[in-house]
């Protein structure tokens, strides 16, 4: 299950293994604006996400 949290809230699943960078591109999300957590650990763009992985995509907020 993939969960996107931030200004955009979305839940979806994938049918096959895919890289984080391809997943982000497919969702139309900029990798520099989100942190991707796969099974509880941060993941970079080249990480391979398997269809049964738990993925949370968190939007990065800043301010003061």
C-alpha atoms as a PDB file:
ATOM      1  CA  UNK A   1       0.000   0.000   0.000  1.00  0.00           C
ATOM      2  CA  UNK A   2       1.248   3.462  -0.896  1.00  0.00           C
ATOM      3  CA  UNK A   3       0.082   6.456   1.143  1.00  0.00           C
ATOM      4  CA  UNK A   4       0.807  10.059   0.138  1.00  0.00           C
ATOM      5  CA  UNK A   5       0.482  12.587   2.957  1.00  0.00           C
ATOM      6  CA  UNK A   6       0.660  16.366   2.681  1.00  0.00           C
ATOM      7  CA  UNK A   7      -1.319  18.786   0.511  1.00  0.00           C
ATOM      8  CA  UNK A   8      -2.148  15.752  -1.602  1.00  0.00           C
ATOM      9  CA  UNK A   9      -3.635  12.773   0.235  1.00  0.00           C
ATOM     10  CA  UNK A  10      -3.839   9.596  -1.768  1.00  0.00           C
ATOM     11  CA  UNK A  11      -3.751   5.844  -1.220  1.00  0.00           C
ATOM     12  CA  UNK A  12      -3.008   3.293  -3.904  1.00  0.00           C
ATOM     13  CA  UNK A  13      -1.291   0.010  -4.598  1.00  0.00           C
ATOM     14  CA  UNK A  14       1.151  -1.096  -7.285  1.00  0.00           C
ATOM     15  CA  UNK A  15       0.986  -4.254  -9.370  1.00  0.00           C
ATOM     16  CA  UNK A  16       4.713  -4.821  -9.844  1.00  0.00           C
ATOM     17  CA  UNK A  17       8.077  -3.869  -8.381  1.00  0.00           C
ATOM     18  CA  UNK A  18       9.177  -0.320  -9.209  1.00  0.00           C
ATOM     19  CA  UNK A  19      11.898   2.134  -8.227  1.00  0.00           C
ATOM     20  CA  UNK A  20      11.046   5.016  -5.897  1.00  0.00           C
ATOM     21  CA  UNK A  21      12.004   7.545  -8.603  1.00  0.00           C
ATOM     22  CA  UNK A  22       9.636   5.906 -11.118  1.00  0.00           C
ATOM     23  CA  UNK A  23       6.862   5.761  -8.523  1.00  0.00           C
ATOM     24  CA  UNK A  24       7.273   9.461  -7.736  1.00  0.00           C
ATOM     25  CA  UNK A  25       7.308  10.393 -11.436  1.00  0.00           C
ATOM     26  CA  UNK A  26       4.178   8.315 -12.024  1.00  0.00           C
ATOM     27  CA  UNK A  27       2.425  10.187  -9.228  1.00  0.00           C
ATOM     28  CA  UNK A  28       3.622  13.538 -10.591  1.00  0.00           C
ATOM     29  CA  UNK A  29       5.521  14.294  -7.365  1.00  0.00           C
ATOM     30  CA  UNK A  30       8.857  16.108  -7.120  1.00  0.00           C
ATOM     31  CA  UNK A  31      11.375  13.935  -5.238  1.00  0.00           C
ATOM     32  CA  UNK A  32      12.862  17.067  -3.616  1.00  0.00           C
ATOM     33  CA  UNK A  33       9.552  17.918  -1.933  1.00  0.00           C
ATOM     34  CA  UNK A  34       8.843  14.527  -0.326  1.00  0.00           C
ATOM     35  CA  UNK A  35      10.471  11.939   1.935  1.00  0.00           C
ATOM     36  CA  UNK A  36       9.751   8.325   1.031  1.00  0.00           C
ATOM     37  CA  UNK A  37       9.539   5.760   3.840  1.00  0.00           C
ATOM     38  CA  UNK A  38       9.519   2.069   2.844  1.00  0.00           C
ATOM     39  CA  UNK A  39       8.708  -0.438   5.584  1.00  0.00           C
ATOM     40  CA  UNK A  40       9.652   2.133   8.233  1.00  0.00           C
ATOM     41  CA  UNK A  41      12.999   3.229   6.741  1.00  0.00           C
ATOM     42  CA  UNK A  42      13.850   6.198   4.482  1.00  0.00           C
ATOM     43  CA  UNK A  43      14.381   5.241   0.834  1.00  0.00           C
ATOM     44  CA  UNK A  44      16.203   6.993  -2.001  1.00  0.00           C
ATOM     45  CA  UNK A  45      15.197   7.153  -5.672  1.00  0.00           C
ATOM     46  CA  UNK A  46      17.028   3.977  -6.687  1.00  0.00           C
ATOM     47  CA  UNK A  47      15.360   1.840  -3.984  1.00  0.00           C
ATOM     48  CA  UNK A  48      13.220  -0.956  -5.443  1.00  0.00           C
ATOM     49  CA  UNK A  49       9.698  -0.973  -4.002  1.00  0.00           C
ATOM     50  CA  UNK A  50       7.996  -4.361  -4.031  1.00  0.00           C
ATOM     51  CA  UNK A  51       4.255  -4.636  -4.457  1.00  0.00           C
ATOM     52  CA  UNK A  52       3.747  -5.823  -0.852  1.00  0.00           C
ATOM     53  CA  UNK A  53       5.894  -3.074   0.744  1.00  0.00           C
ATOM     54  CA  UNK A  54       4.366  -0.459   3.029  1.00  0.00           C
ATOM     55  CA  UNK A  55       5.227   2.939   1.511  1.00  0.00           C
ATOM     56  CA  UNK A  56       4.492   6.341   3.018  1.00  0.00           C
ATOM     57  CA  UNK A  57       5.319   9.475   1.026  1.00  0.00           C
ATOM     58  CA  UNK A  58       5.498  12.519   3.284  1.00  0.00           C
ATOM     59  CA  UNK A  59       5.531  16.067   2.003  1.00  0.00           C
ATOM     60  CA  UNK A  60       8.355  18.174   3.447  1.00  0.00           C
ATOM     61  CA  UNK A  61       7.175  21.377   5.145  1.00  0.00           C
ATOM     62  CA  UNK A  62       9.326  24.227   6.375  1.00  0.00           C
ATOM     63  CA  UNK A  63       8.679  27.506   8.014  1.00  0.00           C
ATOM     64  CA  UNK A  64       9.343  29.470  11.073  1.00  0.00           C
END
